[in-house]
C-alpha atoms as a PDB file:
ATOM      1  CA  UNK A   1     -56.400 151.818 -80.128  1.00  0.00           C
ATOM      2  CA  UNK A   2     -60.014 152.780 -80.747  1.00  0.00           C
ATOM      3  CA  UNK A   3     -60.950 153.757 -77.171  1.00  0.00           C
ATOM      4  CA  UNK A   4     -58.081 155.322 -75.276  1.00  0.00           C
ATOM      5  CA  UNK A   5     -58.051 155.225 -71.474  1.00  0.00           C
ATOM      6  CA  UNK A   6     -58.843 158.588 -69.922  1.00  0.00           C
ATOM      7  CA  UNK A   7     -56.565 157.977 -66.925  1.00  0.00           C
ATOM      8  CA  UNK A   8     -53.350 155.933 -66.723  1.00  0.00           C
ATOM      9  CA  UNK A   9     -51.416 155.384 -63.480  1.00  0.00           C
ATOM     10  CA  UNK A  10     -47.875 153.960 -63.512  1.00  0.00           C
ATOM     11  CA  UNK A  11     -45.465 153.072 -60.677  1.00  0.00           C
ATOM     12  CA  UNK A  12     -41.731 152.326 -60.892  1.00  0.00           C
ATOM     13  CA  UNK A  13     -41.300 154.577 -63.911  1.00  0.00           C
ATOM     14  CA  UNK A  14     -37.526 154.867 -63.553  1.00  0.00           C
ATOM     15  CA  UNK A  15     -35.002 152.066 -63.722  1.00  0.00           C
ATOM     16  CA  UNK A  16     -33.776 150.701 -60.415  1.00  0.00           C
ATOM     17  CA  UNK A  17     -30.492 152.301 -59.263  1.00  0.00           C
ATOM     18  CA  UNK A  18     -30.593 154.853 -62.077  1.00  0.00           C
ATOM     19  CA  UNK A  19     -31.697 158.441 -61.583  1.00  0.00           C
ATOM     20  CA  UNK A  20     -31.068 159.574 -65.130  1.00  0.00           C
ATOM     21  CA  UNK A  21     -34.110 159.939 -67.327  1.00  0.00           C
ATOM     22  CA  UNK A  22     -35.438 162.305 -69.917  1.00  0.00           C
ATOM     23  CA  UNK A  23     -38.907 163.595 -69.064  1.00  0.00           C
ATOM     24  CA  UNK A  24     -39.803 163.854 -72.748  1.00  0.00           C
ATOM     25  CA  UNK A  25     -39.506 160.041 -72.903  1.00  0.00           C
ATOM     26  CA  UNK A  26     -42.421 159.848 -70.482  1.00  0.00           C
ATOM     27  CA  UNK A  27     -44.758 162.065 -72.517  1.00  0.00           C
ATOM     28  CA  UNK A  28     -47.805 160.517 -74.194  1.00  0.00           C
ATOM     29  CA  UNK A  29     -49.466 162.708 -76.855  1.00  0.00           C
ATOM     30  CA  UNK A  30     -52.950 163.820 -75.816  1.00  0.00           C
ATOM     31  CA  UNK A  31     -52.302 163.449 -72.066  1.00  0.00           C
ATOM     32  CA  UNK A  32     -51.288 165.770 -69.245  1.00  0.00           C
ATOM     33  CA  UNK A  33     -48.605 164.358 -66.963  1.00  0.00           C
ATOM     34  CA  UNK A  34     -48.720 164.500 -63.152  1.00  0.00           C
ATOM     35  CA  UNK A  35     -45.669 162.943 -61.547  1.00  0.00           C
ATOM     36  CA  UNK A  36     -43.202 162.445 -58.733  1.00  0.00           C
ATOM     37  CA  UNK A  37     -39.816 161.680 -60.262  1.00  0.00           C
ATOM     38  CA  UNK A  38     -37.683 162.873 -57.358  1.00  0.00           C
ATOM     39  CA  UNK A  39     -34.130 161.824 -56.646  1.00  0.00           C
ATOM     40  CA  UNK A  40     -33.738 158.337 -55.134  1.00  0.00           C
ATOM     41  CA  UNK A  41     -37.309 157.470 -56.096  1.00  0.00           C
ATOM     42  CA  UNK A  42     -38.629 154.961 -58.618  1.00  0.00           C
ATOM     43  CA  UNK A  43     -41.158 157.454 -59.939  1.00  0.00           C
ATOM     44  CA  UNK A  44     -44.918 157.629 -60.262  1.00  0.00           C
ATOM     45  CA  UNK A  45     -46.942 159.118 -63.096  1.00  0.00           C
ATOM     46  CA  UNK A  46     -50.642 159.704 -63.554  1.00  0.00           C
ATOM     47  CA  UNK A  47     -51.648 160.583 -67.108  1.00  0.00           C
ATOM     48  CA  UNK A  48     -54.982 162.346 -67.675  1.00  0.00           C
ATOM     49  CA  UNK A  49     -56.431 163.077 -71.104  1.00  0.00           C
ATOM     50  CA  UNK A  50     -55.954 166.734 -71.975  1.00  0.00           C
ATOM     51  CA  UNK A  51     -59.699 167.403 -72.123  1.00  0.00           C
ATOM     52  CA  UNK A  52     -60.087 166.455 -68.431  1.00  0.00           C
ATOM     53  CA  UNK A  53     -59.816 169.326 -65.980  1.00  0.00           C
ATOM     54  CA  UNK A  54     -57.276 168.048 -63.453  1.00  0.00           C
ATOM     55  CA  UNK A  55     -54.667 169.271 -60.985  1.00  0.00           C
ATOM     56  CA  UNK A  56     -52.053 167.572 -58.847  1.00  0.00           C
ATOM     57  CA  UNK A  57     -52.548 168.021 -55.107  1.00  0.00           C
ATOM     58  CA  UNK A  58     -50.377 167.381 -52.062  1.00  0.00           C
ATOM     59  CA  UNK A  59     -51.721 165.506 -49.072  1.00  0.00           C
ATOM     60  CA  UNK A  60     -50.605 167.193 -45.838  1.00  0.00           C
ATOM     61  CA  UNK A  61     -48.555 165.492 -43.128  1.00  0.00           C
ATOM     62  CA  UNK A  62     -47.195 162.644 -45.215  1.00  0.00           C
ATOM     63  CA  UNK A  63     -43.687 163.831 -46.006  1.00  0.00           C
ATOM     64  CA  UNK A  64     -42.238 160.529 -44.808  1.00  0.00           C
ATOM     65  CA  UNK A  65     -44.583 158.289 -46.771  1.00  0.00           C
ATOM     66  CA  UNK A  66     -43.336 156.431 -49.791  1.00  0.00           C
ATOM     67  CA  UNK A  67     -43.936 157.854 -53.201  1.00  0.00           C
ATOM     68  CA  UNK A  68     -47.391 158.989 -54.198  1.00  0.00           C
ATOM     69  CA  UNK A  69     -49.184 161.221 -56.684  1.00  0.00           C
ATOM     70  CA  UNK A  70     -52.709 162.545 -56.141  1.00  0.00           C
ATOM     71  CA  UNK A  71     -54.684 164.136 -58.951  1.00  0.00           C
ATOM     72  CA  UNK A  72     -58.064 165.777 -58.477  1.00  0.00           C
ATOM     73  CA  UNK A  73     -60.379 165.606 -61.469  1.00  0.00           C
ATOM     74  CA  UNK A  74     -63.161 168.153 -61.703  1.00  0.00           C
ATOM     75  CA  UNK A  75     -66.467 166.671 -62.777  1.00  0.00           C
ATOM     76  CA  UNK A  76     -70.022 168.027 -62.808  1.00  0.00           C
ATOM     77  CA  UNK A  77     -71.091 165.097 -60.573  1.00  0.00           C
ATOM     78  CA  UNK A  78     -68.408 165.786 -57.964  1.00  0.00           C
ATOM     79  CA  UNK A  79     -64.625 165.865 -57.803  1.00  0.00           C
ATOM     80  CA  UNK A  80     -62.696 162.615 -58.158  1.00  0.00           C
ATOM     81  CA  UNK A  81     -59.405 162.100 -56.328  1.00  0.00           C
ATOM     82  CA  UNK A  82     -57.128 159.540 -57.969  1.00  0.00           C
ATOM     83  CA  UNK A  83     -54.110 158.514 -55.914  1.00  0.00           C
ATOM     84  CA  UNK A  84     -51.260 156.281 -57.011  1.00  0.00           C
ATOM     85  CA  UNK A  85     -48.927 154.978 -54.275  1.00  0.00           C
ATOM     86  CA  UNK A  86     -45.662 153.056 -54.407  1.00  0.00           C
ATOM     87  CA  UNK A  87     -44.438 151.203 -51.297  1.00  0.00           C
ATOM     88  CA  UNK A  88     -40.826 150.246 -51.878  1.00  0.00           C
ATOM     89  CA  UNK A  89     -39.557 146.806 -50.960  1.00  0.00           C
ATOM     90  CA  UNK A  90     -36.461 148.508 -49.540  1.00  0.00           C
ATOM     91  CA  UNK A  91     -38.588 150.410 -46.988  1.00  0.00           C
ATOM     92  CA  UNK A  92     -40.630 147.772 -45.218  1.00  0.00           C
ATOM     93  CA  UNK A  93     -40.100 149.017 -41.661  1.00  0.00           C
ATOM     94  CA  UNK A  94     -43.021 149.599 -39.261  1.00  0.00           C
ATOM     95  CA  UNK A  95     -42.643 153.395 -39.377  1.00  0.00           C
ATOM     96  CA  UNK A  96     -42.985 153.403 -43.156  1.00  0.00           C
ATOM     97  CA  UNK A  97     -45.998 151.086 -42.978  1.00  0.00           C
ATOM     98  CA  UNK A  98     -47.590 153.507 -40.485  1.00  0.00           C
ATOM     99  CA  UNK A  99     -46.864 156.389 -42.888  1.00  0.00           C
ATOM    100  CA  UNK A 100     -48.530 154.535 -45.766  1.00  0.00           C
ATOM    101  CA  UNK A 101     -51.577 153.817 -43.589  1.00  0.00           C
ATOM    102  CA  UNK A 102     -51.721 157.489 -42.556  1.00  0.00           C
ATOM    103  CA  UNK A 103     -51.454 158.561 -46.193  1.00  0.00           C
ATOM    104  CA  UNK A 104     -54.381 156.309 -47.126  1.00  0.00           C
ATOM    105  CA  UNK A 105     -56.439 157.660 -44.202  1.00  0.00           C
ATOM    106  CA  UNK A 106     -55.613 161.241 -45.258  1.00  0.00           C
ATOM    107  CA  UNK A 107     -56.591 160.520 -48.866  1.00  0.00           C
ATOM    108  CA  UNK A 108     -59.875 158.995 -47.747  1.00  0.00           C
ATOM    109  CA  UNK A 109     -60.514 162.046 -45.532  1.00  0.00           C
ATOM    110  CA  UNK A 110     -60.155 164.468 -48.456  1.00  0.00           C
ATOM    111  CA  UNK A 111     -63.236 166.392 -49.533  1.00  0.00           C
ATOM    112  CA  UNK A 112     -63.468 164.869 -53.009  1.00  0.00           C
ATOM    113  CA  UNK A 113     -66.766 163.057 -53.513  1.00  0.00           C
ATOM    114  CA  UNK A 114     -65.142 160.026 -55.168  1.00  0.00           C
ATOM    115  CA  UNK A 115     -61.738 158.467 -54.425  1.00  0.00           C
ATOM    116  CA  UNK A 116     -59.677 155.845 -56.217  1.00  0.00           C
ATOM    117  CA  UNK A 117     -56.442 154.510 -54.718  1.00  0.00           C
ATOM    118  CA  UNK A 118     -54.167 152.387 -56.907  1.00  0.00           C
ATOM    119  CA  UNK A 119     -50.520 151.440 -56.846  1.00  0.00           C
ATOM    120  CA  UNK A 120     -47.904 148.886 -55.923  1.00  0.00           C
ATOM    121  CA  UNK A 121     -48.025 148.221 -52.186  1.00  0.00           C
ATOM    122  CA  UNK A 122     -45.635 145.245 -52.240  1.00  0.00           C
ATOM    123  CA  UNK A 123     -47.719 143.183 -49.828  1.00  0.00           C
ATOM    124  CA  UNK A 124     -46.842 139.883 -51.505  1.00  0.00           C
ATOM    125  CA  UNK A 125     -47.156 138.013 -48.218  1.00  0.00           C
ATOM    126  CA  UNK A 126     -50.843 138.885 -47.764  1.00  0.00           C
ATOM    127  CA  UNK A 127     -53.556 136.431 -48.749  1.00  0.00           C
ATOM    128  CA  UNK A 128     -55.945 138.977 -50.267  1.00  0.00           C
ATOM    129  CA  UNK A 129     -58.911 136.577 -50.181  1.00  0.00           C
ATOM    130  CA  UNK A 130     -58.637 136.158 -46.415  1.00  0.00           C
ATOM    131  CA  UNK A 131     -56.942 139.489 -45.566  1.00  0.00           C
ATOM    132  CA  UNK A 132     -54.250 137.740 -43.573  1.00  0.00           C
ATOM    133  CA  UNK A 133     -50.522 137.161 -43.802  1.00  0.00           C
ATOM    134  CA  UNK A 134     -48.566 133.949 -44.087  1.00  0.00           C
ATOM    135  CA  UNK A 135     -46.232 134.802 -41.165  1.00  0.00           C
ATOM    136  CA  UNK A 136     -46.790 136.428 -37.773  1.00  0.00           C
ATOM    137  CA  UNK A 137     -45.167 139.693 -38.940  1.00  0.00           C
ATOM    138  CA  UNK A 138     -47.177 139.761 -42.153  1.00  0.00           C
ATOM    139  CA  UNK A 139     -50.382 139.022 -40.205  1.00  0.00           C
ATOM    140  CA  UNK A 140     -49.798 142.168 -38.130  1.00  0.00           C
ATOM    141  CA  UNK A 141     -49.024 144.206 -41.270  1.00  0.00           C
ATOM    142  CA  UNK A 142     -52.066 142.858 -43.099  1.00  0.00           C
ATOM    143  CA  UNK A 143     -54.311 143.460 -40.085  1.00  0.00           C
ATOM    144  CA  UNK A 144     -53.101 147.054 -39.807  1.00  0.00           C
ATOM    145  CA  UNK A 145     -53.453 147.649 -43.542  1.00  0.00           C
ATOM    146  CA  UNK A 146     -56.812 145.885 -43.652  1.00  0.00           C
ATOM    147  CA  UNK A 147     -58.118 147.933 -40.731  1.00  0.00           C
ATOM    148  CA  UNK A 148     -57.249 151.112 -42.639  1.00  0.00           C
ATOM    149  CA  UNK A 149     -59.119 149.937 -45.728  1.00  0.00           C
ATOM    150  CA  UNK A 150     -62.075 148.250 -44.025  1.00  0.00           C
ATOM    151  CA  UNK A 151     -62.238 150.870 -41.283  1.00  0.00           C
ATOM    152  CA  UNK A 152     -62.912 153.477 -43.946  1.00  0.00           C
ATOM    153  CA  UNK A 153     -65.089 151.468 -46.307  1.00  0.00           C
ATOM    154  CA  UNK A 154     -66.627 148.662 -44.259  1.00  0.00           C
ATOM    155  CA  UNK A 155     -66.406 144.989 -45.140  1.00  0.00           C
END
């Protein structure tokens, strides 16, 4: 590959129902690895090229949120916070949805000048063009999620 990506974010790194893995299998030459590979988690990794000054940070008050990794990149034009989130299909309860929304609000509230949030949110029942769900329950979820996003960034 002629031009390598400077940042790579990956969710669901580990096999489902299997906690065994070898971290060396996840290494990519030329990249630093920032990850959450905890027990009973699918795993998230953010790779940053070694020449980028970066550090993994923890967002306060989100211990009950699904998996996430936040990496702050130091840049002369202002710090960049890259966050990768995984919302498991096995944890779709309202409390977990509230925790994900709080996590996103907390990320957006961080002091970094620029923020990028990526991941797998498993909102398959949301019509992303209209920001609405196909069922009553999914409409409430999409409204709550949409209000977090649009409430912070405008429409």
